Amino acid sequence: MGSRVSMSASSHWICFTTIHTRRS
């Protein structure tokens, strides 16, 4: 379960960072 949560969080963080960087 922990691994699954970590993967989900990582994917969400990458998406958020990409959008934030693109906006910048």
N, C-alpha and C. Protein backbone atom coordinates (compact mmCIF):
# COMPACT_ATOMS: atom_id res chain seq x y z
N MET A 1 0.85 -1.19 0.00
CA MET A 1 0.00 0.00 0.00
C MET A 1 0.90 1.26 0.00
N GLY A 2 1.90 1.25 0.87
CA GLY A 2 2.77 2.43 0.96
C GLY A 2 3.39 2.76 -0.40
N SER A 3 3.82 1.71 -1.10
CA SER A 3 4.45 1.94 -2.41
C SER A 3 3.43 2.59 -3.37
N ARG A 4 2.21 2.10 -3.29
CA ARG A 4 1.17 2.62 -4.20
C ARG A 4 0.93 4.12 -3.90
N VAL A 5 0.83 4.45 -2.64
CA VAL A 5 0.58 5.85 -2.26
C VAL A 5 1.74 6.73 -2.72
N SER A 6 2.95 6.22 -2.54
CA SER A 6 4.14 7.00 -2.91
C SER A 6 4.13 7.27 -4.42
N MET A 7 3.76 6.25 -5.20
CA MET A 7 3.72 6.42 -6.66
C MET A 7 2.67 7.46 -7.03
N SER A 8 1.51 7.37 -6.40
CA SER A 8 0.42 8.31 -6.71
C SER A 8 0.86 9.73 -6.36
N ALA A 9 1.46 9.89 -5.20
CA ALA A 9 1.90 11.23 -4.77
C ALA A 9 2.97 11.75 -5.72
N SER A 10 3.88 10.87 -6.12
CA SER A 10 4.96 11.28 -7.03
C SER A 10 4.38 11.77 -8.35
N SER A 11 3.42 11.02 -8.89
CA SER A 11 2.80 11.39 -10.17
C SER A 11 2.10 12.74 -10.03
N HIS A 12 1.40 12.93 -8.93
CA HIS A 12 0.67 14.18 -8.71
C HIS A 12 1.66 15.34 -8.55
N TRP A 13 2.75 15.10 -7.81
CA TRP A 13 3.75 16.15 -7.59
C TRP A 13 4.40 16.54 -8.92
N ILE A 14 4.72 15.53 -9.75
CA ILE A 14 5.36 15.80 -11.05
C ILE A 14 4.43 16.65 -11.91
N CYS A 15 3.15 16.29 -11.92
CA CYS A 15 2.17 17.04 -12.73
C CYS A 15 2.10 18.48 -12.22
N PHE A 16 2.02 18.63 -10.91
CA PHE A 16 1.90 19.98 -10.32
C PHE A 16 3.16 20.80 -10.62
N THR A 17 4.32 20.17 -10.46
CA THR A 17 5.58 20.89 -10.72
C THR A 17 5.68 21.28 -12.18
N THR A 18 5.30 20.36 -13.07
CA THR A 18 5.38 20.65 -14.51
C THR A 18 4.50 21.84 -14.85
N ILE A 19 3.28 21.85 -14.34
CA ILE A 19 2.35 22.95 -14.63
C ILE A 19 2.91 24.25 -14.07
N HIS A 20 3.41 24.20 -12.84
CA HIS A 20 3.94 25.41 -12.21
C HIS A 20 5.14 25.94 -13.00
N THR A 21 6.00 25.02 -13.42
CA THR A 21 7.20 25.44 -14.18
C THR A 21 6.78 26.02 -15.52
N ARG A 22 5.82 25.40 -16.16
CA ARG A 22 5.37 25.87 -17.48
C ARG A 22 4.79 27.28 -17.34
N ARG A 23 4.03 27.49 -16.29
CA ARG A 23 3.40 28.81 -16.07
C ARG A 23 4.50 29.85 -15.89
N SER A 24 5.54 29.46 -15.15
CA SER A 24 6.63 30.39 -14.87
C SER A 24 7.36 30.70 -16.18
